[in-house]
Each structure stands twice: as structure tokens, then as C-alpha cells.
Protein backbone atom coordinates (compact mmCIF):
# COMPACT_ATOMS: atom_id res chain seq x y z
CA MET A 1 13.45 -7.73 7.94
CA ARG A 2 13.46 -4.40 9.66
CA ILE A 3 10.96 -1.47 10.40
CA ILE A 4 12.25 1.31 8.16
CA GLY A 5 10.93 4.53 9.83
CA GLY A 6 9.35 5.95 12.69
CA ILE A 7 9.75 5.31 16.41
CA TYR A 8 10.87 1.64 15.90
CA LYS A 9 13.10 2.64 13.09
CA ARG A 10 15.87 -0.07 12.46
CA ARG A 11 14.28 -2.65 14.88
CA LEU A 12 14.37 -6.16 13.50
CA ILE A 13 11.08 -8.09 12.87
CA SER A 14 10.55 -11.67 12.25
CA TRP A 15 8.60 -13.35 9.55
CA PRO A 16 6.46 -16.59 9.62
CA ASP A 17 8.22 -19.83 8.84
CA ASP A 18 5.87 -20.73 6.18
CA ILE A 19 6.80 -21.12 2.61
CA ASN A 20 3.34 -20.03 1.50
CA ILE A 21 4.04 -16.54 3.07
CA ARG A 22 6.06 -14.12 1.25
CA PRO A 23 7.49 -11.18 3.32
CA THR A 24 7.65 -7.83 1.46
CA LYS A 25 11.11 -6.52 0.75
CA ASP A 26 12.10 -3.53 3.05
CA ARG A 27 12.81 -1.38 0.10
CA ILE A 28 9.35 -1.96 -1.52
CA ARG A 29 7.95 -1.04 1.91
CA GLU A 30 10.04 1.82 2.34
CA ALA A 31 8.94 3.13 -1.25
CA ILE A 32 5.10 2.46 -0.39
CA PHE A 33 5.39 4.50 2.83
CA SER A 34 7.25 7.39 1.09
CA ALA A 35 4.47 7.53 -1.34
CA LEU A 36 1.85 7.64 1.38
CA ASN A 37 3.35 10.46 3.45
CA ASP A 38 2.18 11.31 6.73
CA ILE A 39 -0.11 8.51 8.22
CA GLU A 40 -0.34 9.73 11.86
CA ASN A 41 -3.36 8.99 13.54
CA TYR A 42 -4.69 6.74 10.83
CA THR A 43 -6.81 3.75 11.37
CA VAL A 44 -5.18 0.84 9.38
CA LEU A 45 -6.08 -2.56 8.02
CA ASP A 46 -3.25 -5.06 7.32
CA LEU A 47 -5.13 -7.66 5.46
CA PHE A 48 -3.29 -10.83 4.80
CA ALA A 49 -0.96 -9.39 7.34
CA GLY A 50 1.73 -12.31 7.21
CA SER A 51 4.46 -10.85 9.48
CA GLY A 52 2.51 -7.70 10.13
CA SER A 53 5.31 -5.79 8.42
CA PHE A 54 2.97 -3.15 6.85
CA GLY A 55 0.94 -2.62 10.08
CA LEU A 56 4.02 -2.63 12.25
CA GLU A 57 5.73 0.02 10.20
CA ALA A 58 2.22 2.06 10.17
CA ILE A 59 2.36 1.84 14.09
CA SER A 60 6.06 3.11 13.97
CA ARG A 61 5.00 5.94 11.84
CA GLY A 62 2.20 7.19 14.14
CA ALA A 63 -0.88 5.23 12.98
CA LYS A 64 -3.63 5.39 15.71
CA LYS A 65 -4.63 1.71 15.51
CA VAL A 66 -3.82 -1.14 13.08
CA TYR A 67 -6.02 -4.33 12.67
CA PHE A 68 -3.94 -7.33 11.57
CA VAL A 69 -5.71 -10.01 9.83
CA ASP A 70 -4.65 -13.27 8.60
CA HIS A 71 -6.14 -16.91 8.64
CA ASN A 72 -2.64 -18.54 8.93
CA ASN A 73 -1.64 -19.95 12.39
CA CYS A 74 2.09 -19.26 11.84
CA ALA A 75 1.45 -15.62 10.68
CA ILE A 76 -0.68 -14.95 13.72
CA LYS A 77 2.04 -16.17 16.07
CA CYS A 78 4.65 -14.25 14.18
CA ILE A 79 2.55 -11.02 14.51
CA LYS A 80 2.01 -11.57 18.29
CA ASP A 81 5.76 -12.09 18.76
CA ASN A 82 6.37 -9.01 16.73
CA VAL A 83 4.27 -6.63 18.52
CA SER A 84 5.56 -8.09 21.82
CA SER A 85 9.13 -7.85 20.85
CA LEU A 86 8.47 -4.06 19.90
CA ASP A 87 6.39 -3.60 23.27
CA ILE A 88 3.71 -1.93 21.41
CA PRO A 89 0.75 -0.96 23.73
CA SER A 90 -2.23 -3.15 23.11
CA PHE A 91 -4.58 -0.38 22.59
CA GLN A 92 -2.65 0.36 19.32
CA TYR A 93 -3.52 -3.00 17.54
CA GLU A 94 -5.95 -5.87 17.22
CA ILE A 95 -4.98 -9.28 15.84
CA ILE A 96 -7.68 -11.21 14.08
CA GLN A 97 -7.38 -14.70 12.85
CA LYS A 98 -10.12 -15.06 10.21
CA ASP A 99 -10.63 -15.38 6.58
CA SER A 100 -10.29 -11.95 4.74
CA TYR A 101 -13.86 -11.67 3.66
CA VAL A 102 -15.12 -12.75 6.93
CA ALA A 103 -12.92 -10.16 8.74
CA ILE A 104 -13.77 -7.30 6.60
CA GLY A 105 -17.40 -8.43 6.60
CA ASP A 106 -17.13 -7.89 10.31
CA PHE A 107 -16.12 -4.24 9.96
CA VAL A 108 -18.90 -3.23 7.90
CA SER A 109 -20.95 -0.56 9.72
CA LYS A 110 -18.35 -0.71 12.72
CA THR A 111 -14.99 0.67 11.56
CA LYS A 112 -13.88 2.65 8.74
CA PHE A 113 -10.20 2.85 7.60
CA ASP A 114 -7.79 5.37 6.47
CA LEU A 115 -5.50 3.01 5.07
CA ILE A 116 -5.93 -0.62 3.96
CA PHE A 117 -3.02 -2.77 2.92
CA LEU A 118 -3.84 -5.51 0.45
CA ASP A 119 -1.21 -8.10 -0.14
CA PRO A 120 -2.94 -11.48 -0.64
CA PRO A 121 -1.04 -14.46 -1.93
CA TYR A 122 -0.42 -13.51 -5.51
CA LYS A 123 -1.81 -16.76 -7.21
CA GLU A 124 -4.97 -16.42 -5.23
CA GLY A 125 -6.10 -13.49 -7.34
CA LYS A 126 -8.31 -11.97 -4.71
CA TYR A 127 -7.67 -8.20 -5.60
CA LEU A 128 -10.57 -6.90 -7.59
CA ASN A 129 -13.34 -8.77 -5.58
CA LEU A 130 -11.78 -7.46 -2.23
CA ILE A 131 -11.32 -3.80 -3.58
CA LEU A 132 -14.88 -3.93 -4.92
CA TYR A 133 -16.27 -5.17 -1.69
CA ILE A 134 -14.20 -2.61 0.34
CA ILE A 135 -15.80 0.15 -1.92
CA GLU A 136 -19.33 -1.34 -2.12
CA HIS A 137 -19.42 -1.47 1.82
CA ASP A 138 -17.93 1.80 2.26
CA LEU A 139 -14.99 0.74 4.62
CA LEU A 140 -12.81 3.55 3.74
CA ASN A 141 -13.03 7.10 5.41
CA LYS A 142 -12.92 10.37 3.28
CA ASN A 143 -9.58 10.31 1.51
CA GLY A 144 -8.88 6.69 2.51
CA ILE A 145 -6.23 4.86 0.76
CA ILE A 146 -5.89 1.23 -0.37
CA THR A 147 -2.42 -0.11 -1.43
CA ILE A 148 -2.01 -3.19 -3.25
CA GLU A 149 1.14 -5.32 -3.89
CA THR A 150 0.97 -7.72 -6.77
CA ASP A 151 2.92 -9.68 -9.34
CA GLN A 152 0.65 -8.46 -12.23
CA ARG A 153 -0.58 -5.42 -14.00
CA PHE A 154 -3.96 -4.07 -13.09
CA ASP A 155 -6.08 -1.38 -14.68
CA PHE A 156 -7.83 0.48 -11.83
CA SER A 157 -8.74 3.60 -13.86
CA ASN A 158 -12.41 2.63 -14.02
CA LEU A 159 -12.82 2.67 -10.27
CA ALA A 160 -15.05 5.82 -9.71
CA ASN A 161 -14.16 8.31 -7.16
CA PHE A 162 -10.60 6.79 -6.83
CA SER A 163 -7.19 8.22 -7.92
CA ASN A 164 -4.45 5.67 -8.77
CA LYS A 165 -0.72 5.43 -8.96
CA GLU A 166 1.32 2.45 -10.23
CA TYR A 167 4.80 1.80 -9.17
CA LYS A 168 7.03 -1.06 -10.42
CA TYR A 169 9.80 -2.75 -8.39
CA GLY A 170 11.56 -5.52 -10.40
CA GLU A 171 8.64 -8.19 -10.94
CA ILE A 172 6.34 -6.44 -8.35
CA PHE A 173 3.68 -3.86 -8.86
CA VAL A 174 2.26 -1.48 -6.23
CA TYR A 175 -0.92 0.35 -6.74
CA ILE A 176 -2.00 3.19 -4.59
CA LEU A 177 -5.89 4.06 -4.73
CA ARG A 178 -6.77 7.08 -3.12
CA LYS A 179 -10.56 7.78 -2.36
CA SER A 180 -11.39 11.31 -3.97
CA LEU A 181 -14.71 12.63 -3.17
């Protein structure tokens, strides 16, 4: 696995040695970042971070700060190894080992995000509840974005004040929800 663009372009990153963690393919990450366009100076949340590939890519492309969240010990070690191997300055990231709901609850009234990557284990089905929690607790800045990677089709057309795009890559669906006020 490698970084696709930005200052760390072509640099290799590792992924956790855990069969329950599924790394996102390079071509899907590349397509997502192409659809996002410029993310310079964004505050980013990489929820269910795994290897941290989304957050690392965001830093490489100019994100101001990335919060990596995962509860898995293997994932946390991998993220720490990746930021170390890339020599990313510590002010650009924070690594948080917590359950996703606990972690995002900690951000309420403290931090808002320009971009949230939401890529939970497919079979856990946490998508809709997490998205509703994020919206209800106003965790996105004006024009904020939530990207979702899943193995099933969802209908997000009923989300008020959000535009959405759906992309399909083989068996994978990617949704980009943009807050529009």
C-alpha cells in the first residue's frame, strides 16, 4: 500500500496484521481524493482508521490536522509506525484508541471537522447511526464532508442539508456527503 498524492506521494505504508482489518485499495483511495479535490488546511477525522491510510493521504495532500481513531491495538501500532516512518510532525495528527462513539462524543463542543472518513467494518453496519450522530451533534464545519466506504448501497437522499454522490468500484460503494447550508 502506498500514498497516492501530495508530499508523501509513492511512499509505502504498512497495514495492520489483523484479518479483521480490511485496507482500502489504492485505486479507491485515489478516486475518493480526486472527487474531494483540494483539502488543504482541513481538519480531518479518520474514524475506524485501520492503517491510517485515509488520514495519511489527507496529511500528504495538505490537511492541517488529522485525528486517527481506532479501538484495535494492532491498528494503533500500525498508525504510529506509519506516521513515524513518514516523519510526520506531531502537531499534524493525534492518535486516539477508543470506541468510535466514545471518540466522536469526546469531540462534541470541542472540535469540528471539514472532512470525516467513515469506513467501519462492513458487517457491523454502523453507518447510519454514526452519520446521524455526527449531524445531530454538529461535528462538521460549514461545507463539511463525510466519505463513506461500504459494501452495500444506501440511500442518503433524505438527509436534509446534504448533497450526496455515489460511486461504485467493483463490489465497493463510496458515498460523499457534502453539507450544504
